[in-house]
């Protein structure tokens, strides 16, 4: 869990005050800030997950376009099943 800092940001000029609002001439709203390291780690995790989802979507295209040859449905089914298991294992990794 990341630590955050509560501050106040003016809705007009954008200035930031912490730990409390200024003398009252601005209209402030509460904002929260996280450290750069926590932000970078979260962003890296998001990018990693997007890459895995892209891999899964690409693998799923095989199912969309699959059309077994006559009398080959059993072999095609087994191949698609094995590929589905591989995609599921890839998504469950980590």
C-alpha atoms as a PDB file:
ATOM      1  CA  UNK A   1       0.000   0.000   0.000  1.00  0.00           C
ATOM      2  CA  UNK A   2       1.381   3.380  -0.922  1.00  0.00           C
ATOM      3  CA  UNK A   3       1.625   6.290   1.442  1.00  0.00           C
ATOM      4  CA  UNK A   4       0.090   9.499   0.242  1.00  0.00           C
ATOM      5  CA  UNK A   5       0.182  13.129   1.242  1.00  0.00           C
ATOM      6  CA  UNK A   6      -3.022  15.092   1.676  1.00  0.00           C
ATOM      7  CA  UNK A   7      -2.837  18.655   0.408  1.00  0.00           C
ATOM      8  CA  UNK A   8      -5.109  21.378  -0.887  1.00  0.00           C
ATOM      9  CA  UNK A   9      -5.096  22.684  -4.453  1.00  0.00           C
ATOM     10  CA  UNK A  10      -6.716  25.929  -5.589  1.00  0.00           C
ATOM     11  CA  UNK A  11      -9.342  25.310  -8.259  1.00  0.00           C
ATOM     12  CA  UNK A  12      -8.473  28.661  -9.837  1.00  0.00           C
ATOM     13  CA  UNK A  13      -4.717  29.145  -9.883  1.00  0.00           C
ATOM     14  CA  UNK A  14      -3.569  25.575  -9.098  1.00  0.00           C
ATOM     15  CA  UNK A  15      -1.340  26.455  -6.139  1.00  0.00           C
ATOM     16  CA  UNK A  16      -0.818  23.689  -3.580  1.00  0.00           C
ATOM     17  CA  UNK A  17      -0.893  24.109   0.188  1.00  0.00           C
ATOM     18  CA  UNK A  18      -0.147  21.481   2.834  1.00  0.00           C
ATOM     19  CA  UNK A  19      -0.974  20.453   5.489  1.00  0.00           C
ATOM     20  CA  UNK A  20      -3.939  22.872   5.494  1.00  0.00           C
ATOM     21  CA  UNK A  21      -5.603  25.435   3.274  1.00  0.00           C
ATOM     22  CA  UNK A  22      -4.303  28.974   2.917  1.00  0.00           C
ATOM     23  CA  UNK A  23      -5.886  32.076   4.423  1.00  0.00           C
ATOM     24  CA  UNK A  24      -9.109  31.642   2.462  1.00  0.00           C
ATOM     25  CA  UNK A  25      -8.825  33.874  -0.580  1.00  0.00           C
ATOM     26  CA  UNK A  26      -8.775  30.861  -2.893  1.00  0.00           C
ATOM     27  CA  UNK A  27     -11.284  28.058  -3.342  1.00  0.00           C
ATOM     28  CA  UNK A  28      -9.440  24.855  -2.493  1.00  0.00           C
ATOM     29  CA  UNK A  29     -10.184  21.208  -3.031  1.00  0.00           C
ATOM     30  CA  UNK A  30      -8.593  18.268  -1.278  1.00  0.00           C
ATOM     31  CA  UNK A  31      -6.023  16.344  -3.356  1.00  0.00           C
ATOM     32  CA  UNK A  32      -3.713  13.432  -2.622  1.00  0.00           C
ATOM     33  CA  UNK A  33      -0.160  12.927  -3.841  1.00  0.00           C
ATOM     34  CA  UNK A  34       1.942   9.775  -3.974  1.00  0.00           C
ATOM     35  CA  UNK A  35       5.683   9.545  -4.249  1.00  0.00           C
ATOM     36  CA  UNK A  36       7.349   9.185  -7.644  1.00  0.00           C
ATOM     37  CA  UNK A  37       8.704   5.724  -6.811  1.00  0.00           C
ATOM     38  CA  UNK A  38       5.232   4.421  -5.925  1.00  0.00           C
ATOM     39  CA  UNK A  39       3.760   6.012  -9.037  1.00  0.00           C
ATOM     40  CA  UNK A  40       6.470   4.536 -11.269  1.00  0.00           C
ATOM     41  CA  UNK A  41       5.978   1.072  -9.731  1.00  0.00           C
ATOM     42  CA  UNK A  42       2.214   1.236 -10.261  1.00  0.00           C
ATOM     43  CA  UNK A  43       2.660   2.431 -13.839  1.00  0.00           C
ATOM     44  CA  UNK A  44       5.128  -0.390 -14.577  1.00  0.00           C
ATOM     45  CA  UNK A  45       2.659  -2.932 -13.202  1.00  0.00           C
ATOM     46  CA  UNK A  46      -0.142  -1.484 -15.327  1.00  0.00           C
ATOM     47  CA  UNK A  47       2.013  -1.673 -18.454  1.00  0.00           C
ATOM     48  CA  UNK A  48       3.003  -5.280 -17.624  1.00  0.00           C
ATOM     49  CA  UNK A  49      -0.634  -6.277 -17.191  1.00  0.00           C
ATOM     50  CA  UNK A  50      -1.631  -4.556 -20.438  1.00  0.00           C
ATOM     51  CA  UNK A  51       1.090  -6.499 -22.258  1.00  0.00           C
ATOM     52  CA  UNK A  52      -0.221  -9.775 -20.820  1.00  0.00           C
ATOM     53  CA  UNK A  53      -3.772  -8.903 -21.826  1.00  0.00           C
ATOM     54  CA  UNK A  54      -2.571  -8.070 -25.335  1.00  0.00           C
ATOM     55  CA  UNK A  55      -0.868 -11.485 -25.507  1.00  0.00           C
ATOM     56  CA  UNK A  56      -4.064 -13.182 -24.355  1.00  0.00           C
ATOM     57  CA  UNK A  57      -6.181 -11.274 -26.879  1.00  0.00           C
ATOM     58  CA  UNK A  58      -3.786 -12.229 -29.663  1.00  0.00           C
ATOM     59  CA  UNK A  59      -3.960 -15.887 -28.633  1.00  0.00           C
ATOM     60  CA  UNK A  60      -7.752 -15.765 -28.518  1.00  0.00           C
ATOM     61  CA  UNK A  61      -7.843 -14.742 -32.178  1.00  0.00           C
ATOM     62  CA  UNK A  62      -6.976 -18.365 -32.986  1.00  0.00           C
ATOM     63  CA  UNK A  63     -10.288 -19.447 -31.470  1.00  0.00           C
ATOM     64  CA  UNK A  64     -12.195 -16.824 -33.404  1.00  0.00           C
ATOM     65  CA  UNK A  65     -10.747 -17.948 -36.724  1.00  0.00           C
ATOM     66  CA  UNK A  66     -10.638 -21.689 -36.053  1.00  0.00           C
ATOM     67  CA  UNK A  67     -12.489 -23.821 -38.585  1.00  0.00           C
ATOM     68  CA  UNK A  68     -11.667 -27.518 -38.428  1.00  0.00           C
ATOM     69  CA  UNK A  69     -11.455 -29.568 -41.576  1.00  0.00           C
ATOM     70  CA  UNK A  70     -14.156 -32.171 -42.062  1.00  0.00           C
ATOM     71  CA  UNK A  71     -13.629 -35.188 -39.808  1.00  0.00           C
ATOM     72  CA  UNK A  72     -10.835 -33.340 -37.943  1.00  0.00           C
ATOM     73  CA  UNK A  73     -12.942 -31.668 -35.278  1.00  0.00           C
ATOM     74  CA  UNK A  74     -11.575 -33.843 -32.446  1.00  0.00           C
ATOM     75  CA  UNK A  75      -7.938 -32.961 -33.188  1.00  0.00           C
ATOM     76  CA  UNK A  76      -8.837 -29.278 -33.682  1.00  0.00           C
ATOM     77  CA  UNK A  77     -10.772 -29.251 -30.418  1.00  0.00           C
ATOM     78  CA  UNK A  78      -7.851 -30.761 -28.526  1.00  0.00           C
ATOM     79  CA  UNK A  79      -5.394 -28.265 -30.021  1.00  0.00           C
ATOM     80  CA  UNK A  80      -7.631 -25.314 -29.147  1.00  0.00           C
ATOM     81  CA  UNK A  81      -8.182 -26.708 -25.650  1.00  0.00           C
ATOM     82  CA  UNK A  82      -4.421 -26.968 -25.111  1.00  0.00           C
ATOM     83  CA  UNK A  83      -3.935 -23.418 -26.362  1.00  0.00           C
ATOM     84  CA  UNK A  84      -6.709 -22.185 -24.035  1.00  0.00           C
ATOM     85  CA  UNK A  85      -4.963 -23.849 -21.111  1.00  0.00           C
ATOM     86  CA  UNK A  86      -1.695 -22.167 -22.097  1.00  0.00           C
ATOM     87  CA  UNK A  87      -3.387 -18.751 -22.235  1.00  0.00           C
ATOM     88  CA  UNK A  88      -4.997 -19.340 -18.837  1.00  0.00           C
ATOM     89  CA  UNK A  89      -1.671 -20.431 -17.345  1.00  0.00           C
ATOM     90  CA  UNK A  90       0.003 -17.319 -18.777  1.00  0.00           C
ATOM     91  CA  UNK A  91      -2.660 -15.100 -17.209  1.00  0.00           C
ATOM     92  CA  UNK A  92      -2.386 -16.840 -13.845  1.00  0.00           C
ATOM     93  CA  UNK A  93       1.419 -16.647 -13.722  1.00  0.00           C
ATOM     94  CA  UNK A  94       2.944 -14.484 -10.966  1.00  0.00           C
END
